Amino acid sequence: TALGLLAELKKSDTKPTAITYSAAISACEKGGSEYTHTALGLLAELKKSDTKPTAITYSAAISACEKGGSEYTHTALGLLA
């Protein structure tokens, strides 16, 4: 899975990129509402790293919020700001 591959990269000497995180966040979005919190956690993790999120990363996170339902509306709007 994308999350498994990301975990493996973190264990190795290979630093995950924004593309790697975007793919994992997108996979969470496709998994539905039960993975929305995980997607947002990955975005937060990426923001804490030296790597900057891209427009694609934010798009995937916003899509994950949409799948999460109305409780994530404000979070999605915050990502647009």
PDB file of N, CA and C in Angstrom:
ATOM      1  N   THR A   1       0.835  -1.187   0.000  1.00  0.00           N
ATOM      2  CA  THR A   1       0.000   0.000   0.000  1.00  0.00           C
ATOM      3  C   THR A   1       0.880   1.251   0.000  1.00  0.00           C
ATOM      4  N   ALA A   2       0.272   2.373  -0.348  1.00  0.00           N
ATOM      5  CA  ALA A   2       1.022   3.637  -0.365  1.00  0.00           C
ATOM      6  C   ALA A   2       1.515   4.003   1.026  1.00  0.00           C
ATOM      7  N   LEU A   3       0.694   3.750   2.032  1.00  0.00           N
ATOM      8  CA  LEU A   3       1.109   4.061   3.401  1.00  0.00           C
ATOM      9  C   LEU A   3       2.256   3.158   3.846  1.00  0.00           C
ATOM     10  N   GLY A   4       2.206   1.913   3.422  1.00  0.00           N
ATOM     11  CA  GLY A   4       3.281   0.974   3.741  1.00  0.00           C
ATOM     12  C   GLY A   4       4.586   1.371   3.087  1.00  0.00           C
ATOM     13  N   LEU A   5       4.510   1.799   1.835  1.00  0.00           N
ATOM     14  CA  LEU A   5       5.719   2.243   1.130  1.00  0.00           C
ATOM     15  C   LEU A   5       6.301   3.494   1.770  1.00  0.00           C
ATOM     16  N   LEU A   6       5.438   4.408   2.193  1.00  0.00           N
ATOM     17  CA  LEU A   6       5.918   5.607   2.871  1.00  0.00           C
ATOM     18  C   LEU A   6       6.617   5.234   4.176  1.00  0.00           C
ATOM     19  N   ALA A   7       6.050   4.307   4.899  1.00  0.00           N
ATOM     20  CA  ALA A   7       6.669   3.847   6.153  1.00  0.00           C
ATOM     21  C   ALA A   7       8.033   3.223   5.886  1.00  0.00           C
ATOM     22  N   GLU A   8       8.147   2.451   4.821  1.00  0.00           N
ATOM     23  CA  GLU A   8       9.427   1.841   4.466  1.00  0.00           C
ATOM     24  C   GLU A   8      10.471   2.903   4.105  1.00  0.00           C
ATOM     25  N   LEU A   9      10.044   3.926   3.379  1.00  0.00           N
ATOM     26  CA  LEU A   9      10.975   5.005   3.028  1.00  0.00           C
ATOM     27  C   LEU A   9      11.491   5.697   4.282  1.00  0.00           C
ATOM     28  N   LYS A  10      10.601   5.917   5.232  1.00  0.00           N
ATOM     29  CA  LYS A  10      11.002   6.588   6.472  1.00  0.00           C
ATOM     30  C   LYS A  10      12.029   5.765   7.242  1.00  0.00           C
ATOM     31  N   LYS A  11      11.941   4.446   7.163  1.00  0.00           N
ATOM     32  CA  LYS A  11      12.889   3.564   7.854  1.00  0.00           C
ATOM     33  C   LYS A  11      14.248   3.528   7.151  1.00  0.00           C
ATOM     34  N   SER A  12      14.240   3.742   5.850  1.00  0.00           N
ATOM     35  CA  SER A  12      15.479   3.653   5.076  1.00  0.00           C
ATOM     36  C   SER A  12      16.193   5.004   5.065  1.00  0.00           C
ATOM     37  N   ASP A  13      17.242   5.087   4.305  1.00  0.00           N
ATOM     38  CA  ASP A  13      17.993   6.331   4.174  1.00  0.00           C
ATOM     39  C   ASP A  13      17.384   7.263   3.131  1.00  0.00           C
ATOM     40  N   THR A  14      16.301   6.836   2.502  1.00  0.00           N
ATOM     41  CA  THR A  14      15.663   7.637   1.466  1.00  0.00           C
ATOM     42  C   THR A  14      14.633   8.571   2.087  1.00  0.00           C
ATOM     43  N   LYS A  15      14.776   9.846   1.811  1.00  0.00           N
ATOM     44  CA  LYS A  15      13.856  10.836   2.366  1.00  0.00           C
ATOM     45  C   LYS A  15      12.606  10.928   1.478  1.00  0.00           C
ATOM     46  N   PRO A  16      11.411  10.778   2.067  1.00  0.00           N
ATOM     47  CA  PRO A  16      10.192  10.924   1.271  1.00  0.00           C
ATOM     48  C   PRO A  16      10.084  12.344   0.701  1.00  0.00           C
ATOM     49  N   THR A  17       9.569  12.447  -0.506  1.00  0.00           N
ATOM     50  CA  THR A  17       9.403  13.740  -1.170  1.00  0.00           C
ATOM     51  C   THR A  17       7.950  14.198  -1.061  1.00  0.00           C
ATOM     52  N   ALA A  18       7.689  15.404  -1.539  1.00  0.00           N
ATOM     53  CA  ALA A  18       6.315  15.902  -1.578  1.00  0.00           C
ATOM     54  C   ALA A  18       5.456  15.001  -2.466  1.00  0.00           C
ATOM     55  N   ILE A  19       6.044  14.459  -3.503  1.00  0.00           N
ATOM     56  CA  ILE A  19       5.305  13.555  -4.396  1.00  0.00           C
ATOM     57  C   ILE A  19       4.923  12.281  -3.649  1.00  0.00           C
ATOM     58  N   THR A  20       5.824  11.757  -2.850  1.00  0.00           N
ATOM     59  CA  THR A  20       5.550  10.561  -2.058  1.00  0.00           C
ATOM     60  C   THR A  20       4.412  10.813  -1.082  1.00  0.00           C
ATOM     61  N   TYR A  21       4.497  11.934  -0.375  1.00  0.00           N
ATOM     62  CA  TYR A  21       3.431  12.281   0.570  1.00  0.00           C
ATOM     63  C   TYR A  21       2.109  12.518  -0.160  1.00  0.00           C
ATOM     64  N   SER A  22       2.161  13.182  -1.302  1.00  0.00           N
ATOM     65  CA  SER A  22       0.940  13.440  -2.071  1.00  0.00           C
ATOM     66  C   SER A  22       0.270  12.137  -2.481  1.00  0.00           C
ATOM     67  N   ALA A  23       1.066  11.169  -2.896  1.00  0.00           N
ATOM     68  CA  ALA A  23       0.516   9.862  -3.285  1.00  0.00           C
ATOM     69  C   ALA A  23      -0.135   9.169  -2.093  1.00  0.00           C
ATOM     70  N   ALA A  24       0.503   9.242  -0.945  1.00  0.00           N
ATOM     71  CA  ALA A  24      -0.049   8.611   0.254  1.00  0.00           C
ATOM     72  C   ALA A  24      -1.342   9.311   0.692  1.00  0.00           C
ATOM     73  N   ILE A  25      -1.357  10.641   0.641  1.00  0.00           N
ATOM     74  CA  ILE A  25      -2.561  11.395   0.997  1.00  0.00           C
ATOM     75  C   ILE A  25      -3.684  11.086   0.015  1.00  0.00           C
ATOM     76  N   SER A  26      -3.346  10.996  -1.252  1.00  0.00           N
ATOM     77  CA  SER A  26      -4.335  10.643  -2.271  1.00  0.00           C
ATOM     78  C   SER A  26      -4.895   9.242  -2.042  1.00  0.00           C
ATOM     79  N   ALA A  27      -4.040   8.324  -1.640  1.00  0.00           N
ATOM     80  CA  ALA A  27      -4.505   6.960  -1.333  1.00  0.00           C
ATOM     81  C   ALA A  27      -5.470   6.985  -0.153  1.00  0.00           C
ATOM     82  N   CYS A  28      -5.183   7.818   0.827  1.00  0.00           N
ATOM     83  CA  CYS A  28      -6.094   7.955   1.983  1.00  0.00           C
ATOM     84  C   CYS A  28      -7.445   8.498   1.519  1.00  0.00           C
ATOM     85  N   GLU A  29      -7.399   9.472   0.642  1.00  0.00           N
ATOM     86  CA  GLU A  29      -8.648  10.048   0.108  1.00  0.00           C
ATOM     87  C   GLU A  29      -9.482   8.986  -0.577  1.00  0.00           C
ATOM     88  N   LYS A  30      -8.835   8.136  -1.346  1.00  0.00           N
ATOM     89  CA  LYS A  30      -9.545   7.071  -2.054  1.00  0.00           C
ATOM     90  C   LYS A  30     -10.082   6.016  -1.090  1.00  0.00           C
ATOM     91  N   GLY A  31      -9.489   5.917   0.087  1.00  0.00           N
ATOM     92  CA  GLY A  31      -9.947   4.970   1.094  1.00  0.00           C
ATOM     93  C   GLY A  31     -11.219   5.405   1.802  1.00  0.00           C
ATOM     94  N   GLY A  32     -11.594   6.658   1.633  1.00  0.00           N
ATOM     95  CA  GLY A  32     -12.836   7.143   2.217  1.00  0.00           C
ATOM     96  C   GLY A  32     -12.655   7.839   3.551  1.00  0.00           C
ATOM     97  N   SER A  33     -13.775   8.089   4.178  1.00  0.00           N
ATOM     98  CA  SER A  33     -13.810   8.924   5.380  1.00  0.00           C
ATOM     99  C   SER A  33     -12.982   8.373   6.543  1.00  0.00           C
ATOM    100  N   GLU A  34     -12.812   7.067   6.603  1.00  0.00           N
ATOM    101  CA  GLU A  34     -12.048   6.509   7.725  1.00  0.00           C
ATOM    102  C   GLU A  34     -10.562   6.848   7.658  1.00  0.00           C
ATOM    103  N   TYR A  35     -10.103   7.358   6.517  1.00  0.00           N
ATOM    104  CA  TYR A  35      -8.688   7.710   6.364  1.00  0.00           C
ATOM    105  C   TYR A  35      -8.439   9.212   6.308  1.00  0.00           C
ATOM    106  N   THR A  36      -9.482  10.016   6.491  1.00  0.00           N
ATOM    107  CA  THR A  36      -9.321  11.468   6.426  1.00  0.00           C
ATOM    108  C   THR A  36      -8.336  11.958   7.484  1.00  0.00           C
ATOM    109  N   HIS A  37      -8.480  11.478   8.691  1.00  0.00           N
ATOM    110  CA  HIS A  37      -7.584  11.894   9.778  1.00  0.00           C
ATOM    111  C   HIS A  37      -6.132  11.509   9.465  1.00  0.00           C
ATOM    112  N   THR A  38      -5.945  10.344   8.876  1.00  0.00           N
ATOM    113  CA  THR A  38      -4.600   9.894   8.494  1.00  0.00           C
ATOM    114  C   THR A  38      -4.014  10.811   7.428  1.00  0.00           C
ATOM    115  N   ALA A  39      -4.827  11.179   6.443  1.00  0.00           N
ATOM    116  CA  ALA A  39      -4.371  12.076   5.377  1.00  0.00           C
ATOM    117  C   ALA A  39      -3.920  13.410   5.951  1.00  0.00           C
ATOM    118  N   LEU A  40      -4.707  13.952   6.868  1.00  0.00           N
ATOM    119  CA  LEU A  40      -4.350  15.235   7.467  1.00  0.00           C
ATOM    120  C   LEU A  40      -3.115  15.111   8.356  1.00  0.00           C
ATOM    121  N   GLY A  41      -2.947  13.966   8.972  1.00  0.00           N
ATOM    122  CA  GLY A  41      -1.737  13.723   9.758  1.00  0.00           C
ATOM    123  C   GLY A  41      -0.500  13.694   8.883  1.00  0.00           C
ATOM    124  N   LEU A  42      -0.634  13.107   7.710  1.00  0.00           N
ATOM    125  CA  LEU A  42       0.495  13.070   6.771  1.00  0.00           C
ATOM    126  C   LEU A  42       0.840  14.473   6.291  1.00  0.00           C
ATOM    127  N   LEU A  43      -0.189  15.282   6.031  1.00  0.00           N
ATOM    128  CA  LEU A  43       0.066  16.660   5.616  1.00  0.00           C
ATOM    129  C   LEU A  43       0.792  17.424   6.725  1.00  0.00           C
ATOM    130  N   ALA A  44       0.365  17.257   7.957  1.00  0.00           N
ATOM    131  CA  ALA A  44       1.017  17.917   9.087  1.00  0.00           C
ATOM    132  C   ALA A  44       2.473  17.466   9.221  1.00  0.00           C
ATOM    133  N   GLU A  45       2.692  16.177   9.025  1.00  0.00           N
ATOM    134  CA  GLU A  45       4.049  15.620   9.091  1.00  0.00           C
ATOM    135  C   GLU A  45       4.935  16.231   8.012  1.00  0.00           C
ATOM    136  N   LEU A  46       4.386  16.354   6.816  1.00  0.00           N
ATOM    137  CA  LEU A  46       5.138  16.939   5.701  1.00  0.00           C
ATOM    138  C   LEU A  46       5.471  18.397   5.995  1.00  0.00           C
ATOM    139  N   LYS A  47       4.521  19.128   6.542  1.00  0.00           N
ATOM    140  CA  LYS A  47       4.754  20.542   6.845  1.00  0.00           C
ATOM    141  C   LYS A  47       5.863  20.725   7.882  1.00  0.00           C
ATOM    142  N   LYS A  48       6.040  19.754   8.776  1.00  0.00           N
ATOM    143  CA  LYS A  48       7.082  19.833   9.802  1.00  0.00           C
ATOM    144  C   LYS A  48       8.463  19.487   9.242  1.00  0.00           C
ATOM    145  N   SER A  49       8.486  18.844   8.094  1.00  0.00           N
ATOM    146  CA  SER A  49       9.761  18.427   7.500  1.00  0.00           C
ATOM    147  C   SER A  49      10.373  19.581   6.699  1.00  0.00           C
ATOM    148  N   ASP A  50      11.515  19.312   6.103  1.00  0.00           N
ATOM    149  CA  ASP A  50      12.186  20.305   5.266  1.00  0.00           C
ATOM    150  C   ASP A  50      11.542  20.426   3.886  1.00  0.00           C
ATOM    151  N   THR A  51      10.651  19.512   3.560  1.00  0.00           N
ATOM    152  CA  THR A  51      10.015  19.479   2.255  1.00  0.00           C
ATOM    153  C   THR A  51       8.701  20.255   2.315  1.00  0.00           C
ATOM    154  N   LYS A  52       8.445  21.057   1.307  1.00  0.00           N
ATOM    155  CA  LYS A  52       7.222  21.858   1.276  1.00  0.00           C
ATOM    156  C   LYS A  52       6.131  21.140   0.486  1.00  0.00           C
ATOM    157  N   PRO A  53       4.895  21.205   0.988  1.00  0.00           N
ATOM    158  CA  PRO A  53       3.774  20.633   0.233  1.00  0.00           C
ATOM    159  C   PRO A  53       3.586  21.389  -1.083  1.00  0.00           C
ATOM    160  N   THR A  54       3.080  20.697  -2.078  1.00  0.00           N
ATOM    161  CA  THR A  54       2.799  21.307  -3.373  1.00  0.00           C
ATOM    162  C   THR A  54       1.297  21.531  -3.513  1.00  0.00           C
ATOM    163  N   ALA A  55       0.898  22.148  -4.611  1.00  0.00           N
ATOM    164  CA  ALA A  55      -0.529  22.336  -4.890  1.00  0.00           C
ATOM    165  C   ALA A  55      -1.227  20.978  -4.989  1.00  0.00           C
ATOM    166  N   ILE A  56      -0.530  19.993  -5.519  1.00  0.00           N
ATOM    167  CA  ILE A  56      -1.098  18.643  -5.636  1.00  0.00           C
ATOM    168  C   ILE A  56      -1.314  18.037  -4.254  1.00  0.00           C
ATOM    169  N   THR A  57      -0.392  18.290  -3.337  1.00  0.00           N
ATOM    170  CA  THR A  57      -0.519  17.800  -1.967  1.00  0.00           C
ATOM    171  C   THR A  57      -1.764  18.392  -1.317  1.00  0.00           C
ATOM    172  N   TYR A  58      -1.918  19.709  -1.450  1.00  0.00           N
ATOM    173  CA  TYR A  58      -3.084  20.373  -0.866  1.00  0.00           C
ATOM    174  C   TYR A  58      -4.381  19.911  -1.518  1.00  0.00           C
ATOM    175  N   SER A  59      -4.355  19.710  -2.816  1.00  0.00           N
ATOM    176  CA  SER A  59      -5.543  19.222  -3.519  1.00  0.00           C
ATOM    177  C   SER A  59      -5.977  17.851  -2.993  1.00  0.00           C
ATOM    178  N   ALA A  60      -5.010  16.973  -2.796  1.00  0.00           N
ATOM    179  CA  ALA A  60      -5.311  15.641  -2.264  1.00  0.00           C
ATOM    180  C   ALA A  60      -5.873  15.733  -0.850  1.00  0.00           C
ATOM    181  N   ALA A  61      -5.302  16.622  -0.036  1.00  0.00           N
ATOM    182  CA  ALA A  61      -5.777  16.786   1.340  1.00  0.00           C
ATOM    183  C   ALA A  61      -7.188  17.365   1.374  1.00  0.00           C
ATOM    184  N   ILE A  62      -7.465  18.323   0.512  1.00  0.00           N
ATOM    185  CA  ILE A  62      -8.807  18.901   0.438  1.00  0.00           C
ATOM    186  C   ILE A  62      -9.806  17.846  -0.017  1.00  0.00           C
ATOM    187  N   SER A  63      -9.420  17.019  -0.971  1.00  0.00           N
ATOM    188  CA  SER A  63     -10.296  15.926  -1.417  1.00  0.00           C
ATOM    189  C   SER A  63     -10.554  14.939  -0.284  1.00  0.00           C
ATOM    190  N   ALA A  64      -9.528  14.684   0.525  1.00  0.00           N
ATOM    191  CA  ALA A  64      -9.702  13.792   1.678  1.00  0.00           C
ATOM    192  C   ALA A  64     -10.697  14.407   2.665  1.00  0.00           C
ATOM    193  N   CYS A  65     -10.623  15.719   2.861  1.00  0.00           N
ATOM    194  CA  CYS A  65     -11.575  16.399   3.743  1.00  0.00           C
ATOM    195  C   CYS A  65     -12.996  16.263   3.212  1.00  0.00           C
ATOM    196  N   GLU A  66     -13.128  16.366   1.907  1.00  0.00           N
ATOM    197  CA  GLU A  66     -14.458  16.222   1.290  1.00  0.00           C
ATOM    198  C   GLU A  66     -15.030  14.841   1.568  1.00  0.00           C
ATOM    199  N   LYS A  67     -14.190  13.826   1.476  1.00  0.00           N
ATOM    200  CA  LYS A  67     -14.632  12.461   1.763  1.00  0.00           C
ATOM    201  C   LYS A  67     -14.958  12.278   3.242  1.00  0.00           C
ATOM    202  N   GLY A  68     -14.323  13.087   4.091  1.00  0.00           N
ATOM    203  CA  GLY A  68     -14.531  12.984   5.531  1.00  0.00           C
ATOM    204  C   GLY A  68     -15.858  13.551   6.000  1.00  0.00           C
ATOM    205  N   GLY A  69     -16.481  14.337   5.165  1.00  0.00           N
ATOM    206  CA  GLY A  69     -17.790  14.876   5.507  1.00  0.00           C
ATOM    207  C   GLY A  69     -17.730  16.274   6.096  1.00  0.00           C
ATOM    208  N   SER A  70     -18.889  16.710   6.560  1.00  0.00           N
ATOM    209  CA  SER A  70     -19.055  18.096   6.998  1.00  0.00           C
ATOM    210  C   SER A  70     -18.171  18.478   8.179  1.00  0.00           C
ATOM    211  N   GLU A  71     -17.772  17.520   8.970  1.00  0.00           N
ATOM    212  CA  GLU A  71     -16.915  17.862  10.119  1.00  0.00           C
ATOM    213  C   GLU A  71     -15.538  18.361   9.691  1.00  0.00           C
ATOM    214  N   TYR A  72     -15.173  18.148   8.434  1.00  0.00           N
ATOM    215  CA  TYR A  72     -13.865  18.589   7.929  1.00  0.00           C
ATOM    216  C   TYR A  72     -13.972  19.814   7.016  1.00  0.00           C
ATOM    217  N   THR A  73     -15.163  20.429   6.946  1.00  0.00           N
ATOM    218  CA  THR A  73     -15.365  21.577   6.071  1.00  0.00           C
ATOM    219  C   THR A  73     -14.423  22.716   6.429  1.00  0.00           C
ATOM    220  N   HIS A  74     -14.347  23.070   7.689  1.00  0.00           N
ATOM    221  CA  HIS A  74     -13.486  24.171   8.114  1.00  0.00           C
ATOM    222  C   HIS A  74     -12.008  23.852   7.890  1.00  0.00           C
ATOM    223  N   THR A  75     -11.652  22.608   8.063  1.00  0.00           N
ATOM    224  CA  THR A  75     -10.265  22.204   7.810  1.00  0.00           C
ATOM    225  C   THR A  75      -9.929  22.406   6.331  1.00  0.00           C
ATOM    226  N   ALA A  76     -10.829  21.969   5.457  1.00  0.00           N
ATOM    227  CA  ALA A  76     -10.608  22.126   4.010  1.00  0.00           C
ATOM    228  C   ALA A  76     -10.490  23.597   3.649  1.00  0.00           C
ATOM    229  N   LEU A  77     -11.366  24.425   4.200  1.00  0.00           N
ATOM    230  CA  LEU A  77     -11.304  25.858   3.905  1.00  0.00           C
ATOM    231  C   LEU A  77     -10.003  26.466   4.415  1.00  0.00           C
ATOM    232  N   GLY A  78      -9.519  25.999   5.549  1.00  0.00           N
ATOM    233  CA  GLY A  78      -8.244  26.467   6.075  1.00  0.00           C
ATOM    234  C   GLY A  78      -7.070  26.134   5.171  1.00  0.00           C
ATOM    235  N   LEU A  79      -7.172  25.007   4.483  1.00  0.00           N
ATOM    236  CA  LEU A  79      -6.095  24.618   3.566  1.00  0.00           C
ATOM    237  C   LEU A  79      -6.051  25.505   2.336  1.00  0.00           C
ATOM    238  N   LEU A  80      -7.176  26.125   2.018  1.00  0.00           N
ATOM    239  CA  LEU A  80      -7.232  27.027   0.867  1.00  0.00           C
ATOM    240  C   LEU A  80      -6.601  28.390   1.170  1.00  0.00           C
ATOM    241  N   ALA A  81      -6.536  28.730   2.437  1.00  0.00           N
ATOM    242  CA  ALA A  81      -6.032  30.052   2.841  1.00  0.00           C
ATOM    243  C   ALA A  81      -4.529  30.151   2.717  1.00  0.00           C
TER     244      ALA A  81
END
